[in-house]
Amino acid sequence: MAFINLDELQAIEPVPGCRMRAPFGENLMLSYLEMDEGAEIPLHNHPHEQGGMLISGKMQLTIGDETRICEPGEMYLIPGNVPHRAVAVGGPAVVLDVFSPVREDYAKISNSYIPSVDAKD
């Protein structure tokens, strides 16, 4: 899978007000996240490394003990097992996250139209 058309991926709503499309390969996962104003990804952690970039809007992001308001173009890195939280502030926000390794919980509900990476052509 070299090219991805977001319009062809069904959105998943992991929490109210957030729609995610999460295509993945063998070792990494992309997550295109659209957040309605005030939508919150609650404080959580996972063993996967996560990096991201705010594409549009504003987002209050907490990583560990630090909280900032992120503007479009700002990037962040979240080490595995570090608690983090995100809230769209002042309007909707769009975020692109990258996870490594692939988040198994998202993989189970994503890529339903794409054959397994183990499948042979």
C-alpha atoms as a PDB file:
ATOM      1  CA  MET A   1       0.000   0.000   0.000  1.00  0.00           C
ATOM      2  CA  ALA A   2       1.972   2.993  -1.241  1.00  0.00           C
ATOM      3  CA  PHE A   3      -0.793   5.573  -1.678  1.00  0.00           C
ATOM      4  CA  ILE A   4      -3.691   6.267   0.652  1.00  0.00           C
ATOM      5  CA  ASN A   5      -6.865   8.186  -0.151  1.00  0.00           C
ATOM      6  CA  LEU A   6      -8.424   9.321   3.138  1.00  0.00           C
ATOM      7  CA  ASP A   7     -11.818   9.569   1.482  1.00  0.00           C
ATOM      8  CA  GLU A   8     -11.740   5.795   0.926  1.00  0.00           C
ATOM      9  CA  LEU A   9     -11.078   4.978   4.589  1.00  0.00           C
ATOM     10  CA  GLN A  10     -13.984   4.651   6.984  1.00  0.00           C
ATOM     11  CA  ALA A  11     -13.610   6.915  10.014  1.00  0.00           C
ATOM     12  CA  ILE A  12     -13.480   5.408  13.493  1.00  0.00           C
ATOM     13  CA  GLU A  13     -14.798   7.413  16.483  1.00  0.00           C
ATOM     14  CA  PRO A  14     -12.491   6.425  19.381  1.00  0.00           C
ATOM     15  CA  VAL A  15     -14.126   9.039  21.663  1.00  0.00           C
ATOM     16  CA  PRO A  16     -17.066  11.399  21.094  1.00  0.00           C
ATOM     17  CA  GLY A  17     -16.233  14.256  18.719  1.00  0.00           C
ATOM     18  CA  CYS A  18     -13.105  12.608  17.291  1.00  0.00           C
ATOM     19  CA  ARG A  19     -12.917  10.843  13.933  1.00  0.00           C
ATOM     20  CA  MET A  20      -9.794   8.885  13.066  1.00  0.00           C
ATOM     21  CA  ARG A  21      -8.493   7.135   9.985  1.00  0.00           C
ATOM     22  CA  ALA A  22      -5.502   4.934  10.771  1.00  0.00           C
ATOM     23  CA  PRO A  23      -3.782   3.177   7.866  1.00  0.00           C
ATOM     24  CA  PHE A  24      -0.725   1.134   8.810  1.00  0.00           C
ATOM     25  CA  GLY A  25       2.157  -0.836   7.433  1.00  0.00           C
ATOM     26  CA  GLU A  26       4.439  -3.388   9.001  1.00  0.00           C
ATOM     27  CA  ASN A  27       6.194  -1.131  11.529  1.00  0.00           C
ATOM     28  CA  LEU A  28       4.283   2.132  11.745  1.00  0.00           C
ATOM     29  CA  MET A  29       0.782   3.521  11.793  1.00  0.00           C
ATOM     30  CA  LEU A  30      -0.528   6.880  10.619  1.00  0.00           C
ATOM     31  CA  SER A  31      -3.516   8.412  12.381  1.00  0.00           C
ATOM     32  CA  TYR A  32      -5.384  11.280  10.722  1.00  0.00           C
ATOM     33  CA  LEU A  33      -7.510  12.679  13.535  1.00  0.00           C
ATOM     34  CA  GLU A  34     -10.302  15.233  13.180  1.00  0.00           C
ATOM     35  CA  MET A  35     -11.450  16.741  16.476  1.00  0.00           C
ATOM     36  CA  ASP A  36     -14.581  18.849  17.025  1.00  0.00           C
ATOM     37  CA  GLU A  37     -14.213  21.934  19.217  1.00  0.00           C
ATOM     38  CA  GLY A  38     -13.902  20.821  22.839  1.00  0.00           C
ATOM     39  CA  ALA A  39     -13.379  17.163  21.922  1.00  0.00           C
ATOM     40  CA  GLU A  40     -10.937  15.425  24.233  1.00  0.00           C
ATOM     41  CA  ILE A  41      -8.637  12.466  23.981  1.00  0.00           C
ATOM     42  CA  PRO A  42      -8.476  11.734  27.726  1.00  0.00           C
ATOM     43  CA  LEU A  43      -5.262  11.192  29.660  1.00  0.00           C
ATOM     44  CA  HIS A  44      -3.853   7.793  28.699  1.00  0.00           C
ATOM     45  CA  ASN A  45      -0.605   6.015  27.874  1.00  0.00           C
ATOM     46  CA  HIS A  46       0.503   3.112  25.718  1.00  0.00           C
ATOM     47  CA  PRO A  47       3.808   1.368  25.011  1.00  0.00           C
ATOM     48  CA  HIS A  48       4.012   2.769  21.459  1.00  0.00           C
ATOM     49  CA  GLU A  49       6.102   5.810  20.558  1.00  0.00           C
ATOM     50  CA  GLN A  50       3.941   8.579  19.138  1.00  0.00           C
ATOM     51  CA  GLY A  51       4.906  11.611  17.114  1.00  0.00           C
ATOM     52  CA  GLY A  52       2.606  14.108  15.557  1.00  0.00           C
ATOM     53  CA  MET A  53       1.907  17.430  13.929  1.00  0.00           C
ATOM     54  CA  LEU A  54      -1.049  19.751  14.252  1.00  0.00           C
ATOM     55  CA  ILE A  55      -2.360  20.423  10.742  1.00  0.00           C
ATOM     56  CA  SER A  56      -5.102  22.928  11.556  1.00  0.00           C
ATOM     57  CA  GLY A  57      -6.873  24.506  14.506  1.00  0.00           C
ATOM     58  CA  LYS A  58      -5.511  24.688  18.046  1.00  0.00           C
ATOM     59  CA  MET A  59      -4.967  21.877  20.494  1.00  0.00           C
ATOM     60  CA  GLN A  60      -4.161  21.856  24.176  1.00  0.00           C
ATOM     61  CA  LEU A  61      -1.681  19.012  24.532  1.00  0.00           C
ATOM     62  CA  THR A  62      -0.402  17.532  27.776  1.00  0.00           C
ATOM     63  CA  ILE A  63       2.648  15.265  27.658  1.00  0.00           C
ATOM     64  CA  GLY A  64       3.747  14.052  31.077  1.00  0.00           C
ATOM     65  CA  ASP A  65       3.725  17.087  33.384  1.00  0.00           C
ATOM     66  CA  GLU A  66       3.832  19.727  30.614  1.00  0.00           C
ATOM     67  CA  THR A  67       0.800  21.326  28.913  1.00  0.00           C
ATOM     68  CA  ARG A  68       0.947  23.639  25.885  1.00  0.00           C
ATOM     69  CA  ILE A  69      -1.355  25.107  23.276  1.00  0.00           C
ATOM     70  CA  CYS A  70      -0.196  23.829  19.881  1.00  0.00           C
ATOM     71  CA  GLU A  71      -0.661  25.825  16.664  1.00  0.00           C
ATOM     72  CA  PRO A  72      -0.652  24.494  13.082  1.00  0.00           C
ATOM     73  CA  GLY A  73       2.754  23.172  12.031  1.00  0.00           C
ATOM     74  CA  GLU A  74       3.907  22.402  15.570  1.00  0.00           C
ATOM     75  CA  MET A  75       5.183  18.884  16.168  1.00  0.00           C
ATOM     76  CA  TYR A  76       5.630  16.713  19.234  1.00  0.00           C
ATOM     77  CA  LEU A  77       7.162  13.411  20.318  1.00  0.00           C
ATOM     78  CA  ILE A  78       5.679  11.222  23.039  1.00  0.00           C
ATOM     79  CA  PRO A  79       7.840   8.366  24.359  1.00  0.00           C
ATOM     80  CA  GLY A  80       6.145   5.045  25.096  1.00  0.00           C
ATOM     81  CA  ASN A  81       4.258   4.786  28.415  1.00  0.00           C
ATOM     82  CA  VAL A  82       4.195   8.574  29.008  1.00  0.00           C
ATOM     83  CA  PRO A  83       0.710   9.858  29.938  1.00  0.00           C
ATOM     84  CA  HIS A  84      -0.749  12.351  27.452  1.00  0.00           C
ATOM     85  CA  ARG A  85      -4.037  14.136  26.685  1.00  0.00           C
ATOM     86  CA  ALA A  86      -5.358  16.380  23.879  1.00  0.00           C
ATOM     87  CA  VAL A  87      -8.257  18.848  23.657  1.00  0.00           C
ATOM     88  CA  ALA A  88      -9.342  20.858  20.591  1.00  0.00           C
ATOM     89  CA  VAL A  89      -9.646  24.494  21.706  1.00  0.00           C
ATOM     90  CA  GLY A  90     -11.205  27.479  19.955  1.00  0.00           C
ATOM     91  CA  GLY A  91     -12.667  25.386  17.138  1.00  0.00           C
ATOM     92  CA  PRO A  92     -12.050  22.075  15.386  1.00  0.00           C
ATOM     93  CA  ALA A  93      -8.538  20.659  14.986  1.00  0.00           C
ATOM     94  CA  VAL A  94      -6.861  18.207  12.610  1.00  0.00           C
ATOM     95  CA  VAL A  95      -3.844  16.187  13.717  1.00  0.00           C
ATOM     96  CA  LEU A  96      -1.549  13.696  12.013  1.00  0.00           C
ATOM     97  CA  ASP A  97      -0.029  11.183  14.444  1.00  0.00           C
ATOM     98  CA  VAL A  98       2.481   8.437  13.748  1.00  0.00           C
ATOM     99  CA  PHE A  99       2.826   5.370  15.977  1.00  0.00           C
ATOM    100  CA  SER A 100       5.597   2.819  16.143  1.00  0.00           C
ATOM    101  CA  PRO A 101       5.153  -0.044  16.456  1.00  0.00           C
ATOM    102  CA  VAL A 102       1.632  -0.342  15.045  1.00  0.00           C
ATOM    103  CA  ARG A 103      -1.101   0.065  17.672  1.00  0.00           C
ATOM    104  CA  GLU A 104      -2.793  -3.314  17.735  1.00  0.00           C
ATOM    105  CA  ASP A 105      -6.051  -1.898  19.125  1.00  0.00           C
ATOM    106  CA  TYR A 106      -6.420   0.504  16.173  1.00  0.00           C
ATOM    107  CA  ALA A 107      -5.194  -2.074  13.637  1.00  0.00           C
ATOM    108  CA  LYS A 108      -8.071  -4.415  14.553  1.00  0.00           C
ATOM    109  CA  ILE A 109     -10.594  -1.787  13.475  1.00  0.00           C
ATOM    110  CA  SER A 110      -8.650  -0.161  10.601  1.00  0.00           C
ATOM    111  CA  ASN A 111      -7.638  -1.202   7.096  1.00  0.00           C
ATOM    112  CA  SER A 112     -10.675  -3.424   6.689  1.00  0.00           C
ATOM    113  CA  TYR A 113     -10.542  -2.909   2.910  1.00  0.00           C
ATOM    114  CA  ILE A 114      -6.800  -3.563   2.588  1.00  0.00           C
ATOM    115  CA  PRO A 115      -5.397  -7.103   2.524  1.00  0.00           C
ATOM    116  CA  SER A 116      -3.124  -8.155   5.350  1.00  0.00           C
ATOM    117  CA  VAL A 117       0.536  -7.206   4.954  1.00  0.00           C
ATOM    118  CA  ASP A 118       1.187 -10.964   4.993  1.00  0.00           C
ATOM    119  CA  ALA A 119      -0.954 -11.478   1.891  1.00  0.00           C
ATOM    120  CA  LYS A 120       0.946 -12.179  -1.325  1.00  0.00           C
ATOM    121  CA  ASP A 121      -0.035 -10.533  -4.642  1.00  0.00           C
END
